[in-house]
Amino acid sequence: MTDLIKYSGDEFEKNSDRKDNMNYVSDLTRKYILQLFPGGGIVEDLLNYEAEQKTKRTVDFVDDLIKKILAEYGDDFSLEDLKNESFSDILNRVLQNIQNTTSDFKKNRFRDILLLKFKTKSEDLMFVKFVDLLDKVNEIQIVLLKEMAQNEDFLYGVGAHKGTEIIEAFIKKYGEKAKKGNFDKTLKAYTSQEKKSELEFYMLELASFGLIKPIPKKNQLGSQGSSHYIATEIGIKFLSFIIKE
């Protein structure tokens, strides 16, 4: 009777041929299982296509980032700067998010926060927080926040904005831009009155992230009226990190 040899994970890792064979068997098994139900072959094709798209997004993003760095820093650029542990950590987080990002607007925002990190060599802990936040918010929310923080058309009182007025001003301003033609299709979709409830939801979500905050207002009778909103200091700092003017 042949003695059984105790399995060791280390032995498996060291034996590349065995590891490759196991990967091959795993792939065959996966394909077999997918073929057991109707549409399984299509699912397999879709999974492969999605993987290819994620890889392409990552490669395209990295190519664009390198071009921007070289264009801005030229002879001052050093590959060692990219190997910095702090920068590498942020870069890794960004690349994980880029794989699932189809918005060119958000890709540019991720690029800008990396360029700022590269330029300043800052150890500010908010870089990590802002990369994670940027993954959570959408293009509409970034524009809403920017308008609240920078555009005088949205001012109400001493820097505070009534929620309904912000939404109405947003629809009016970007609706006029949309009529002129060349305009971002995502923003254009939010220039109708039918989108008011979604815009209100986006504002409430911005508040939950701490980027804006509600300020209760008293009406003439002394009771609490509708909330007004103001961009927080962190909200304004977030914008400065993700938008390179």
Protein backbone atom coordinates (compact mmCIF):
# COMPACT_ATOMS: atom_id res chain seq x y z
CA MET A 1 0.00 0.00 0.00
CA THR A 2 1.39 3.36 -0.99
CA ASP A 3 1.85 5.84 1.85
CA LEU A 4 -0.04 9.04 1.42
CA ILE A 5 2.06 12.19 1.29
CA LYS A 6 0.65 15.05 3.34
CA TYR A 7 -0.35 17.97 1.12
CA SER A 8 1.49 21.23 1.61
CA GLY A 9 0.32 24.53 0.14
CA ASP A 10 3.98 25.58 -0.16
CA GLU A 11 4.71 22.58 -2.37
CA PHE A 12 1.83 23.55 -4.63
CA GLU A 13 3.06 27.13 -4.96
CA LYS A 14 6.61 25.99 -5.73
CA ASN A 15 5.50 23.51 -8.39
CA SER A 16 4.51 25.84 -11.24
CA ASP A 17 3.62 22.98 -13.61
CA ARG A 18 1.20 21.54 -11.11
CA LYS A 19 -0.27 24.96 -10.45
CA ASP A 20 -0.75 25.65 -14.17
CA ASN A 21 -2.43 22.28 -14.59
CA MET A 22 -4.81 23.00 -11.72
CA ASN A 23 -5.67 26.37 -13.27
CA TYR A 24 -6.36 24.62 -16.58
CA VAL A 25 -8.63 22.07 -14.90
CA SER A 26 -10.38 24.90 -13.04
CA ASP A 27 -11.06 26.74 -16.31
CA LEU A 28 -12.43 23.59 -17.95
CA THR A 29 -14.68 22.91 -14.97
CA ARG A 30 -15.99 26.45 -15.00
CA LYS A 31 -16.83 26.24 -18.71
CA TYR A 32 -18.53 22.87 -18.20
CA ILE A 33 -20.73 24.18 -15.38
CA LEU A 34 -21.74 27.25 -17.41
CA GLN A 35 -22.75 25.00 -20.31
CA LEU A 36 -25.13 23.01 -18.08
CA PHE A 37 -27.83 25.66 -18.23
CA PRO A 38 -29.39 27.60 -21.16
CA GLY A 39 -27.44 30.71 -21.96
CA GLY A 40 -24.32 29.50 -20.16
CA GLY A 41 -22.16 29.99 -23.24
CA ILE A 42 -23.40 33.57 -23.56
CA VAL A 43 -22.58 34.22 -19.89
CA GLU A 44 -19.05 32.94 -20.49
CA ASP A 45 -18.65 35.28 -23.47
CA LEU A 46 -20.04 38.20 -21.47
CA LEU A 47 -17.65 37.52 -18.59
CA ASN A 48 -14.70 37.43 -20.97
CA TYR A 49 -15.86 40.62 -22.68
CA GLU A 50 -16.28 42.42 -19.33
CA ALA A 51 -12.79 41.34 -18.25
CA GLU A 52 -11.35 42.69 -21.50
CA GLN A 53 -13.19 46.00 -21.06
CA LYS A 54 -11.91 46.40 -17.50
CA THR A 55 -8.35 45.76 -18.66
CA LYS A 56 -8.74 48.26 -21.51
CA ARG A 57 -10.07 50.95 -19.17
CA THR A 58 -7.11 50.46 -16.85
CA VAL A 59 -4.52 50.54 -19.64
CA ASP A 60 -6.09 53.60 -21.31
CA PHE A 61 -6.24 55.42 -17.98
CA VAL A 62 -2.59 54.69 -17.18
CA ASP A 63 -1.51 55.82 -20.66
CA ASP A 64 -3.40 59.10 -20.22
CA LEU A 65 -1.95 59.63 -16.74
CA ILE A 66 1.62 59.11 -17.95
CA LYS A 67 1.09 61.56 -20.82
CA LYS A 68 -0.22 64.20 -18.42
CA ILE A 69 2.68 63.71 -16.01
CA LEU A 70 5.29 63.88 -18.75
CA ALA A 71 3.65 66.92 -20.36
CA GLU A 72 3.56 68.80 -17.05
CA TYR A 73 6.83 67.73 -15.43
CA GLY A 74 9.03 66.68 -18.35
CA ASP A 75 12.65 66.41 -17.23
CA ASP A 76 11.63 66.63 -13.57
CA PHE A 77 9.80 63.32 -13.83
CA SER A 78 11.38 60.33 -12.15
CA LEU A 79 10.09 56.78 -12.19
CA GLU A 80 11.08 56.53 -8.55
CA ASP A 81 8.36 59.03 -7.70
CA LEU A 82 5.76 56.52 -8.89
CA LYS A 83 7.29 53.84 -6.69
CA ASN A 84 6.70 55.94 -3.59
CA GLU A 85 4.65 53.81 -1.20
CA SER A 86 2.16 56.56 -0.44
CA PHE A 87 1.55 57.33 -4.13
CA SER A 88 1.40 53.63 -5.02
CA ASP A 89 -1.33 53.08 -2.45
CA ILE A 90 -3.49 55.84 -3.92
CA LEU A 91 -2.75 54.67 -7.47
CA ASN A 92 -3.79 51.13 -6.60
CA ARG A 93 -7.09 52.35 -5.13
CA VAL A 94 -7.77 54.47 -8.20
CA LEU A 95 -7.04 51.64 -10.64
CA GLN A 96 -9.44 49.33 -8.81
CA ASN A 97 -12.18 51.94 -9.22
CA ILE A 98 -11.30 52.78 -12.83
CA GLN A 99 -12.07 49.22 -13.91
CA ASN A 100 -15.75 49.81 -13.16
CA THR A 101 -15.94 53.44 -14.32
CA THR A 102 -17.38 54.23 -17.75
CA SER A 103 -17.76 57.99 -17.18
CA ASP A 104 -15.01 60.03 -18.82
CA PHE A 105 -15.83 62.84 -16.41
CA LYS A 106 -15.06 60.64 -13.39
CA LYS A 107 -11.96 59.20 -15.04
CA ASN A 108 -10.65 62.76 -15.36
CA ARG A 109 -11.44 63.40 -11.70
CA PHE A 110 -9.48 60.30 -10.67
CA ARG A 111 -6.64 61.46 -12.89
CA ASP A 112 -6.62 64.92 -11.33
CA ILE A 113 -6.42 63.62 -7.77
CA LEU A 114 -3.46 61.45 -8.77
CA LEU A 115 -1.73 64.39 -10.44
CA LEU A 116 -2.19 66.43 -7.26
CA LYS A 117 -0.76 63.60 -5.16
CA PHE A 118 2.21 63.27 -7.51
CA LYS A 119 2.83 67.03 -7.56
CA THR A 120 2.55 67.74 -3.83
CA LYS A 121 3.93 64.47 -2.39
CA SER A 122 1.45 65.23 0.38
CA GLU A 123 0.78 62.69 3.11
CA ASP A 124 -2.67 64.16 3.75
CA LEU A 125 -4.90 61.27 4.86
CA MET A 126 -7.84 62.80 3.00
CA PHE A 127 -6.38 61.55 -0.30
CA VAL A 128 -7.52 58.03 0.59
CA LYS A 129 -10.91 59.24 1.82
CA PHE A 130 -11.47 61.35 -1.28
CA VAL A 131 -10.60 58.52 -3.68
CA ASP A 132 -13.17 56.33 -1.91
CA LEU A 133 -15.72 59.17 -1.97
CA LEU A 134 -15.12 59.82 -5.65
CA ASP A 135 -16.01 56.20 -6.34
CA LYS A 136 -19.32 56.63 -4.49
CA VAL A 137 -20.58 59.90 -5.97
CA ASN A 138 -21.68 60.34 -9.56
CA GLU A 139 -21.09 63.03 -12.15
CA ILE A 140 -24.33 64.87 -11.30
CA GLN A 141 -23.44 65.08 -7.61
CA ILE A 142 -20.01 66.50 -8.35
CA VAL A 143 -21.53 69.20 -10.55
CA LEU A 144 -24.18 69.99 -7.93
CA LEU A 145 -21.52 70.34 -5.24
CA LYS A 146 -19.35 72.50 -7.48
CA GLU A 147 -22.23 74.82 -8.26
CA MET A 148 -23.13 75.17 -4.59
CA ALA A 149 -19.54 75.98 -3.66
CA GLN A 150 -18.58 78.27 -6.54
CA ASN A 151 -21.48 79.62 -8.57
CA GLU A 152 -23.16 82.86 -7.43
CA ASP A 153 -26.36 81.87 -9.22
CA PHE A 154 -26.93 79.37 -6.41
CA LEU A 155 -26.30 81.73 -3.50
CA TYR A 156 -29.07 82.19 -0.98
CA GLY A 157 -28.59 84.34 2.10
CA VAL A 158 -25.10 84.00 3.53
CA GLY A 159 -23.84 81.15 1.40
CA ALA A 160 -26.76 78.83 2.19
CA HIS A 161 -28.96 77.31 -0.51
CA LYS A 162 -32.56 76.22 -0.31
CA GLY A 163 -32.78 72.67 -1.60
CA THR A 164 -35.60 73.29 -4.07
CA GLU A 165 -33.91 76.45 -5.38
CA ILE A 166 -30.66 74.59 -6.02
CA ILE A 167 -32.49 71.98 -8.07
CA GLU A 168 -34.51 74.54 -10.03
CA ALA A 169 -31.38 76.60 -10.76
CA PHE A 170 -29.51 73.44 -11.84
CA ILE A 171 -32.27 72.43 -14.26
CA LYS A 172 -32.54 75.96 -15.67
CA LYS A 173 -28.79 76.55 -16.11
CA TYR A 174 -27.94 73.21 -17.67
CA GLY A 175 -31.19 73.09 -19.64
CA GLU A 176 -30.12 76.30 -21.40
CA LYS A 177 -26.69 74.82 -22.10
CA ALA A 178 -28.25 71.65 -23.48
CA LYS A 179 -30.30 73.66 -25.99
CA LYS A 180 -27.11 75.04 -27.48
CA GLY A 181 -26.03 71.61 -28.67
CA ASN A 182 -22.62 70.19 -27.74
CA PHE A 183 -23.33 69.08 -24.18
CA ASP A 184 -22.57 66.17 -21.86
CA LYS A 185 -25.33 63.58 -22.35
CA THR A 186 -25.42 62.61 -18.67
CA LEU A 187 -26.01 66.19 -17.55
CA LYS A 188 -28.52 66.72 -20.34
CA ALA A 189 -30.64 63.87 -18.99
CA TYR A 190 -31.05 65.80 -15.73
CA THR A 191 -32.35 69.06 -17.19
CA SER A 192 -36.04 68.14 -17.03
CA GLN A 193 -38.55 68.61 -14.21
CA GLU A 194 -39.09 64.84 -14.14
CA LYS A 195 -35.62 64.45 -12.58
CA LYS A 196 -36.30 66.70 -9.57
CA SER A 197 -36.84 63.80 -7.16
CA GLU A 198 -33.57 62.15 -8.23
CA LEU A 199 -31.67 65.42 -7.84
CA GLU A 200 -33.15 65.81 -4.36
CA PHE A 201 -31.98 62.29 -3.51
CA TYR A 202 -28.48 63.09 -4.77
CA MET A 203 -28.36 66.16 -2.51
CA LEU A 204 -29.42 64.13 0.52
CA GLU A 205 -26.72 61.61 -0.28
CA LEU A 206 -24.10 64.38 -0.54
CA ALA A 207 -25.19 65.43 2.95
CA SER A 208 -24.76 61.86 4.22
CA PHE A 209 -21.18 61.94 2.92
CA GLY A 210 -20.50 65.16 4.81
CA LEU A 211 -19.90 67.19 1.63
CA ILE A 212 -22.87 69.50 2.23
CA LYS A 213 -24.91 70.09 5.37
CA PRO A 214 -28.49 71.20 6.07
CA ILE A 215 -29.14 74.43 7.93
CA PRO A 216 -32.71 74.60 9.36
CA LYS A 217 -34.35 77.96 8.77
CA LYS A 218 -37.11 79.58 10.79
CA ASN A 219 -40.12 80.98 8.99
CA GLN A 220 -42.00 84.16 9.97
CA LEU A 221 -44.14 82.24 12.45
CA GLY A 222 -41.04 80.96 14.23
CA SER A 223 -41.49 77.34 13.21
CA GLN A 224 -38.88 75.43 11.26
CA GLY A 225 -39.10 75.91 7.52
CA SER A 226 -37.49 73.91 4.72
CA SER A 227 -33.82 73.13 5.12
CA HIS A 228 -31.15 75.14 3.39
CA TYR A 229 -27.84 73.62 2.40
CA ILE A 230 -24.27 74.80 2.37
CA ALA A 231 -21.11 73.13 1.11
CA THR A 232 -18.94 72.02 4.03
CA GLU A 233 -15.23 72.81 4.29
CA ILE A 234 -14.55 69.16 3.51
CA GLY A 235 -16.84 69.39 0.47
CA ILE A 236 -14.89 72.37 -0.85
CA LYS A 237 -11.59 70.61 -0.13
CA PHE A 238 -12.88 67.52 -1.95
CA LEU A 239 -13.53 69.65 -5.04
CA SER A 240 -10.03 71.13 -4.87
CA PHE A 241 -8.55 67.63 -4.87
CA ILE A 242 -10.53 66.22 -7.79
CA ILE A 243 -10.84 69.20 -10.15
CA LYS A 244 -7.64 70.62 -11.59
CA GLU A 245 -8.48 74.11 -12.80
